[in-house]
Each structure stands twice: as C-alpha cells, then as structure tokens.
C-alpha cells in the first residue's frame, strides 16, 4: 500500500464551511446564554435593593432635593456643596401627593426662617 492509497483511505478533513457554521452556532449559543444571564441578574438584583433614589429636583447650582427610599423608609434629603441634610422623614407608607407637598412646603418654610 503506497502513500497515495493511505491518503485515499483517510477520513475526509472537515470542510471550512462546516467549521464556520459550527463556530457561528457556538457564538450564538454563548451570546444567548450571556443575554439570559444578564436578564436574570437584573431581576434578582432589583429585589435586594436597600437604597433607591425615587426622584431628584435641582433647585440651584450645587443645590438639590432628593427623595430616597432606604430600607423601606422614604427620606427627603437636601443636597448642597456643604453636604447632605435630612429635610424630612416621610415614613414607611407611600402617602398621598398632597401630604408630600405639605411636608415639602413646611421644610422650605423652616429652611427660609432659619
């Protein structure tokens, strides 16, 4: 048996097109798995949040109010270049918008009289 017969009896080498298709399928599976993992992490991470900025209002350059939720409690914070101050503790319940507006007005009145 000569070298030509040995080459003829050898199994076929994989084609370039087949290797390309297998590589593309593997990349698609990896991309799909990564996408699914990111979605799962976003869902589970959101349930464990202890600090959430609900809203923020900019009052002037370097001064703002922030409504935050910390461990279920809502806090109204005043933020300036001097630091962060607790303006009002709004409690656990979501409350109504008018009650929130009254608390903001009272906090502004206290701040302006000080």
N, C-alpha and C. Protein backbone atom coordinates (compact mmCIF):
# COMPACT_ATOMS: atom_id res chain seq x y z
N UNK A 1 0.85 -1.16 0.00
CA UNK A 1 0.00 0.00 0.00
C UNK A 1 0.91 1.23 0.00
N UNK A 2 0.74 2.07 -0.98
CA UNK A 2 1.58 3.25 -1.13
C UNK A 2 0.97 4.47 -0.45
N UNK A 3 1.70 5.57 -0.48
CA UNK A 3 1.22 6.79 0.17
C UNK A 3 -0.07 7.31 -0.45
N UNK A 4 -0.26 7.14 -1.71
CA UNK A 4 -1.49 7.61 -2.36
C UNK A 4 -2.68 6.82 -1.85
N UNK A 5 -2.50 5.49 -1.63
CA UNK A 5 -3.59 4.65 -1.11
C UNK A 5 -3.91 5.03 0.35
N UNK A 6 -2.89 5.39 1.13
CA UNK A 6 -3.12 5.77 2.53
C UNK A 6 -3.90 7.08 2.61
N UNK A 7 -3.60 8.02 1.73
CA UNK A 7 -4.34 9.27 1.71
C UNK A 7 -5.78 9.06 1.27
N UNK A 8 -5.98 8.16 0.35
CA UNK A 8 -7.33 7.89 -0.14
C UNK A 8 -8.16 7.20 0.94
N UNK A 9 -7.56 6.40 1.80
CA UNK A 9 -8.29 5.68 2.84
C UNK A 9 -8.54 6.55 4.07
N UNK A 10 -7.84 7.68 4.22
CA UNK A 10 -8.01 8.54 5.40
C UNK A 10 -9.38 9.21 5.37
N UNK A 11 -9.96 9.45 6.56
CA UNK A 11 -11.26 10.14 6.59
C UNK A 11 -11.11 11.56 6.05
N UNK A 12 -12.21 12.10 5.57
CA UNK A 12 -12.18 13.44 4.98
C UNK A 12 -11.90 14.48 6.05
N UNK A 13 -11.13 15.46 5.67
CA UNK A 13 -10.88 16.58 6.57
C UNK A 13 -12.14 17.43 6.62
N UNK A 14 -12.42 18.06 7.78
CA UNK A 14 -13.63 18.88 7.87
C UNK A 14 -13.53 20.05 6.90
N UNK A 15 -14.66 20.40 6.32
CA UNK A 15 -14.67 21.49 5.36
C UNK A 15 -14.63 22.82 6.10
N UNK A 16 -14.18 23.82 5.44
CA UNK A 16 -14.11 25.16 6.01
C UNK A 16 -15.51 25.70 6.30
N UNK A 17 -16.45 25.42 5.44
CA UNK A 17 -17.83 25.88 5.63
C UNK A 17 -18.45 25.24 6.88
N UNK A 18 -18.20 23.95 7.08
CA UNK A 18 -18.73 23.27 8.26
C UNK A 18 -18.15 23.84 9.54
N UNK A 19 -16.85 24.11 9.54
CA UNK A 19 -16.21 24.68 10.73
C UNK A 19 -16.75 26.07 11.00
N UNK A 20 -16.99 26.83 9.96
CA UNK A 20 -17.54 28.18 10.11
C UNK A 20 -18.96 28.14 10.69
N UNK A 21 -19.77 27.21 10.21
CA UNK A 21 -21.13 27.09 10.72
C UNK A 21 -21.15 26.66 12.19
N UNK A 22 -20.27 25.72 12.54
CA UNK A 22 -20.19 25.29 13.95
C UNK A 22 -19.73 26.43 14.84
N UNK A 23 -18.77 27.23 14.37
CA UNK A 23 -18.30 28.38 15.15
C UNK A 23 -19.40 29.42 15.33
N UNK A 24 -20.16 29.67 14.25
CA UNK A 24 -21.26 30.63 14.34
C UNK A 24 -22.34 30.14 15.30
N UNK A 25 -22.64 28.86 15.29
CA UNK A 25 -23.64 28.30 16.21
C UNK A 25 -23.15 28.41 17.65
N UNK A 26 -21.88 28.14 17.89
CA UNK A 26 -21.33 28.26 19.24
C UNK A 26 -21.38 29.71 19.73
N UNK A 27 -21.05 30.67 18.88
CA UNK A 27 -21.13 32.07 19.26
C UNK A 27 -22.57 32.48 19.56
N UNK A 28 -23.52 32.00 18.79
CA UNK A 28 -24.93 32.31 19.04
C UNK A 28 -25.40 31.75 20.38
N UNK A 29 -24.98 30.54 20.70
CA UNK A 29 -25.35 29.93 21.98
C UNK A 29 -24.74 30.71 23.14
N UNK A 30 -23.46 31.10 23.01
CA UNK A 30 -22.81 31.88 24.07
C UNK A 30 -23.46 33.25 24.24
N UNK A 31 -23.79 33.91 23.14
CA UNK A 31 -24.43 35.23 23.22
C UNK A 31 -25.80 35.11 23.87
N UNK A 32 -26.56 34.09 23.49
CA UNK A 32 -27.88 33.88 24.10
C UNK A 32 -27.78 33.58 25.59
N UNK A 33 -26.80 32.79 25.98
CA UNK A 33 -26.60 32.49 27.39
C UNK A 33 -26.20 33.73 28.18
N UNK A 34 -25.34 34.56 27.61
CA UNK A 34 -24.95 35.80 28.27
C UNK A 34 -26.12 36.76 28.43
N UNK A 35 -26.95 36.87 27.39
CA UNK A 35 -28.13 37.72 27.45
C UNK A 35 -29.08 37.23 28.54
N UNK A 36 -29.33 35.92 28.60
CA UNK A 36 -30.22 35.36 29.62
C UNK A 36 -29.65 35.58 31.03
N UNK A 37 -28.36 35.45 31.19
CA UNK A 37 -27.73 35.66 32.49
C UNK A 37 -27.87 37.12 32.95
N UNK A 38 -27.69 38.06 32.04
CA UNK A 38 -27.85 39.48 32.39
C UNK A 38 -29.28 39.80 32.79
N UNK A 39 -30.26 39.26 32.08
CA UNK A 39 -31.67 39.49 32.45
C UNK A 39 -31.97 38.90 33.81
N UNK A 40 -31.45 37.73 34.10
CA UNK A 40 -31.69 37.08 35.40
C UNK A 40 -31.05 37.91 36.52
N UNK A 41 -29.84 38.43 36.29
CA UNK A 41 -29.17 39.24 37.31
C UNK A 41 -29.94 40.52 37.59
N UNK A 42 -30.48 41.15 36.55
CA UNK A 42 -31.24 42.39 36.76
C UNK A 42 -32.48 42.12 37.60
N UNK A 43 -33.16 41.03 37.36
CA UNK A 43 -34.36 40.70 38.13
C UNK A 43 -34.02 40.42 39.58
N UNK A 44 -33.00 39.62 39.83
CA UNK A 44 -32.68 39.26 41.21
C UNK A 44 -32.02 40.40 41.96
N UNK A 45 -31.25 41.23 41.28
CA UNK A 45 -30.58 42.35 41.94
C UNK A 45 -31.58 43.40 42.38
N UNK A 46 -32.63 43.63 41.59
CA UNK A 46 -33.63 44.62 41.93
C UNK A 46 -34.39 44.28 43.20
N UNK A 47 -34.55 43.02 43.51
CA UNK A 47 -35.29 42.62 44.70
C UNK A 47 -34.48 42.87 45.97
N UNK A 48 -33.18 43.00 45.88
CA UNK A 48 -32.32 43.16 47.05
C UNK A 48 -31.88 44.59 47.29
N UNK A 49 -32.46 45.55 46.62
CA UNK A 49 -32.02 46.94 46.76
C UNK A 49 -32.49 47.51 48.08
N UNK A 50 -31.58 48.12 48.82
CA UNK A 50 -31.90 48.76 50.08
C UNK A 50 -31.93 50.27 49.96
N UNK A 51 -31.36 50.79 48.90
CA UNK A 51 -31.30 52.23 48.68
C UNK A 51 -31.77 52.52 47.27
N UNK A 52 -32.75 53.44 47.16
CA UNK A 52 -33.29 53.78 45.85
C UNK A 52 -33.55 55.28 45.80
N UNK A 53 -33.07 55.94 44.77
CA UNK A 53 -33.38 57.35 44.57
C UNK A 53 -34.68 57.40 43.78
N UNK A 54 -35.73 57.88 44.44
CA UNK A 54 -37.05 57.92 43.80
C UNK A 54 -37.15 59.11 42.85
N UNK A 55 -36.71 60.28 43.33
CA UNK A 55 -36.77 61.48 42.49
C UNK A 55 -35.74 62.48 42.99
N UNK A 56 -35.35 63.37 42.11
CA UNK A 56 -34.38 64.41 42.48
C UNK A 56 -34.77 65.68 41.77
N UNK A 57 -34.79 66.79 42.52
CA UNK A 57 -35.13 68.09 41.95
C UNK A 57 -33.96 69.03 42.18
N UNK A 58 -33.49 69.65 41.11
CA UNK A 58 -32.38 70.59 41.20
C UNK A 58 -32.95 71.98 41.47
N UNK A 59 -32.51 72.59 42.56
CA UNK A 59 -33.04 73.89 42.98
C UNK A 59 -32.20 75.03 42.46
N UNK A 60 -30.91 74.93 42.57
CA UNK A 60 -29.98 75.95 42.11
C UNK A 60 -28.66 75.27 41.82
N UNK A 61 -27.70 76.03 41.37
CA UNK A 61 -26.40 75.43 41.07
C UNK A 61 -25.79 74.86 42.35
N UNK A 62 -25.59 73.56 42.39
CA UNK A 62 -24.99 72.91 43.54
C UNK A 62 -25.97 72.59 44.66
N UNK A 63 -27.28 72.79 44.45
CA UNK A 63 -28.27 72.50 45.49
C UNK A 63 -29.44 71.73 44.89
N UNK A 64 -29.87 70.69 45.60
CA UNK A 64 -30.99 69.90 45.11
C UNK A 64 -31.69 69.21 46.27
N UNK A 65 -32.87 68.70 45.99
CA UNK A 65 -33.61 67.86 46.92
C UNK A 65 -33.67 66.46 46.32
N UNK A 66 -33.56 65.45 47.16
CA UNK A 66 -33.64 64.08 46.69
C UNK A 66 -34.62 63.32 47.58
N UNK A 67 -35.53 62.62 46.95
CA UNK A 67 -36.44 61.73 47.66
C UNK A 67 -35.88 60.33 47.51
N UNK A 68 -35.49 59.72 48.63
CA UNK A 68 -34.86 58.40 48.58
C UNK A 68 -35.64 57.42 49.44
N UNK A 69 -35.53 56.16 49.10
CA UNK A 69 -36.10 55.08 49.90
C UNK A 69 -34.93 54.27 50.45
N UNK A 70 -34.84 54.18 51.78
CA UNK A 70 -33.79 53.45 52.45
C UNK A 70 -34.45 52.40 53.33
N UNK A 71 -34.26 51.13 52.99
CA UNK A 71 -34.84 50.02 53.75
C UNK A 71 -36.34 50.22 53.95
N UNK A 72 -37.04 50.70 52.94
CA UNK A 72 -38.49 50.86 53.01
C UNK A 72 -38.95 52.21 53.52
N UNK A 73 -38.09 53.01 54.10
CA UNK A 73 -38.47 54.34 54.60
C UNK A 73 -38.13 55.39 53.55
N UNK A 74 -39.02 56.38 53.43
CA UNK A 74 -38.80 57.47 52.48
C UNK A 74 -38.22 58.67 53.21
N UNK A 75 -37.14 59.22 52.68
CA UNK A 75 -36.46 60.36 53.28
C UNK A 75 -36.32 61.46 52.23
N UNK A 76 -36.56 62.69 52.66
CA UNK A 76 -36.32 63.84 51.80
C UNK A 76 -35.00 64.46 52.24
N UNK A 77 -34.04 64.49 51.32
CA UNK A 77 -32.69 64.96 51.64
C UNK A 77 -32.40 66.25 50.90
N UNK A 78 -31.74 67.17 51.59
CA UNK A 78 -31.24 68.37 50.97
C UNK A 78 -29.76 68.17 50.65
N UNK A 79 -29.38 68.43 49.42
CA UNK A 79 -28.01 68.19 48.98
C UNK A 79 -27.43 69.51 48.49
N UNK A 80 -26.28 69.87 49.04
CA UNK A 80 -25.59 71.09 48.61
C UNK A 80 -24.09 70.85 48.66
N UNK A 81 -23.34 71.89 48.35
CA UNK A 81 -21.88 71.75 48.40
C UNK A 81 -21.39 71.60 49.84
N UNK A 82 -22.23 71.99 50.80
CA UNK A 82 -21.87 71.83 52.22
C UNK A 82 -22.08 70.40 52.71
N UNK A 83 -22.87 69.61 52.00
CA UNK A 83 -23.12 68.23 52.41
C UNK A 83 -24.56 67.83 52.18
N UNK A 84 -24.98 66.77 52.87
CA UNK A 84 -26.32 66.22 52.75
C UNK A 84 -27.00 66.35 54.10
N UNK A 85 -28.24 66.89 54.10
CA UNK A 85 -29.01 67.04 55.34
C UNK A 85 -30.35 66.37 55.19
N UNK A 86 -30.84 65.79 56.27
CA UNK A 86 -32.19 65.22 56.30
C UNK A 86 -33.16 66.37 56.45
N UNK A 87 -34.03 66.54 55.45
CA UNK A 87 -35.05 67.59 55.50
C UNK A 87 -36.28 67.06 56.21
N UNK A 88 -36.71 65.83 55.83
CA UNK A 88 -37.90 65.27 56.44
C UNK A 88 -37.88 63.75 56.29
N UNK A 89 -38.36 63.07 57.32
CA UNK A 89 -38.57 61.62 57.27
C UNK A 89 -40.03 61.41 56.92
N UNK A 90 -40.30 60.90 55.73
CA UNK A 90 -41.68 60.76 55.26
C UNK A 90 -42.32 59.45 55.68
N UNK A 91 -41.61 58.58 56.34
CA UNK A 91 -42.20 57.36 56.87
C UNK A 91 -42.19 56.20 55.89
N UNK A 92 -42.92 55.15 56.31
CA UNK A 92 -42.95 53.91 55.54
C UNK A 92 -43.99 53.91 54.43
N UNK A 93 -45.17 54.46 54.71
CA UNK A 93 -46.28 54.38 53.76
C UNK A 93 -46.02 55.30 52.58
N UNK A 94 -46.49 54.90 51.40
CA UNK A 94 -46.29 55.74 50.22
C UNK A 94 -46.91 57.12 50.38
N UNK A 95 -48.03 57.24 51.08
CA UNK A 95 -48.66 58.53 51.31
C UNK A 95 -49.26 59.12 50.06
N UNK A 96 -49.92 60.22 50.23
CA UNK A 96 -50.55 60.89 49.11
C UNK A 96 -49.66 62.03 48.64
N UNK A 97 -49.86 62.45 47.44
CA UNK A 97 -49.08 63.56 46.91
C UNK A 97 -49.36 64.84 47.68
N UNK A 98 -50.63 65.17 48.05
CA UNK A 98 -50.84 66.40 48.82
C UNK A 98 -50.11 66.39 50.16
N UNK A 99 -50.07 65.24 50.86
CA UNK A 99 -49.35 65.16 52.13
C UNK A 99 -47.86 65.40 51.90
N UNK A 100 -47.33 64.88 50.84
CA UNK A 100 -45.92 65.09 50.50
C UNK A 100 -45.67 66.57 50.21
N UNK A 101 -46.58 67.19 49.47
CA UNK A 101 -46.42 68.60 49.13
C UNK A 101 -46.45 69.45 50.40
N UNK A 102 -47.32 69.13 51.37
CA UNK A 102 -47.36 69.88 52.62
C UNK A 102 -46.04 69.74 53.37
N UNK A 103 -45.47 68.55 53.37
CA UNK A 103 -44.20 68.35 54.07
C UNK A 103 -43.07 69.12 53.39
N UNK A 104 -43.08 69.18 52.07
CA UNK A 104 -42.06 69.95 51.36
C UNK A 104 -42.21 71.43 51.66
N UNK A 105 -43.46 71.93 51.66
CA UNK A 105 -43.70 73.34 51.97
C UNK A 105 -43.26 73.67 53.39
N UNK A 106 -43.54 72.78 54.34
CA UNK A 106 -43.13 73.00 55.72
C UNK A 106 -41.61 73.01 55.84
N UNK A 107 -40.94 72.13 55.12
CA UNK A 107 -39.47 72.08 55.15
C UNK A 107 -38.88 73.35 54.55
N UNK A 108 -39.49 73.85 53.48
CA UNK A 108 -38.99 75.09 52.86
C UNK A 108 -39.21 76.27 53.81
N UNK A 109 -40.35 76.28 54.48
CA UNK A 109 -40.61 77.36 55.43
C UNK A 109 -39.62 77.32 56.59
N UNK A 110 -39.32 76.13 57.10
CA UNK A 110 -38.33 76.00 58.17
C UNK A 110 -36.96 76.47 57.70
N UNK A 111 -36.61 76.13 56.50
CA UNK A 111 -35.29 76.49 55.95
C UNK A 111 -35.18 78.00 55.75
N UNK A 112 -36.25 78.62 55.26
CA UNK A 112 -36.20 80.06 54.99
C UNK A 112 -36.22 80.88 56.27
N UNK A 113 -36.83 80.34 57.35
CA UNK A 113 -36.87 81.07 58.61
C UNK A 113 -35.58 80.90 59.41
N UNK A 114 -34.76 79.92 59.03
CA UNK A 114 -33.51 79.68 59.79
C UNK A 114 -32.40 80.60 59.38
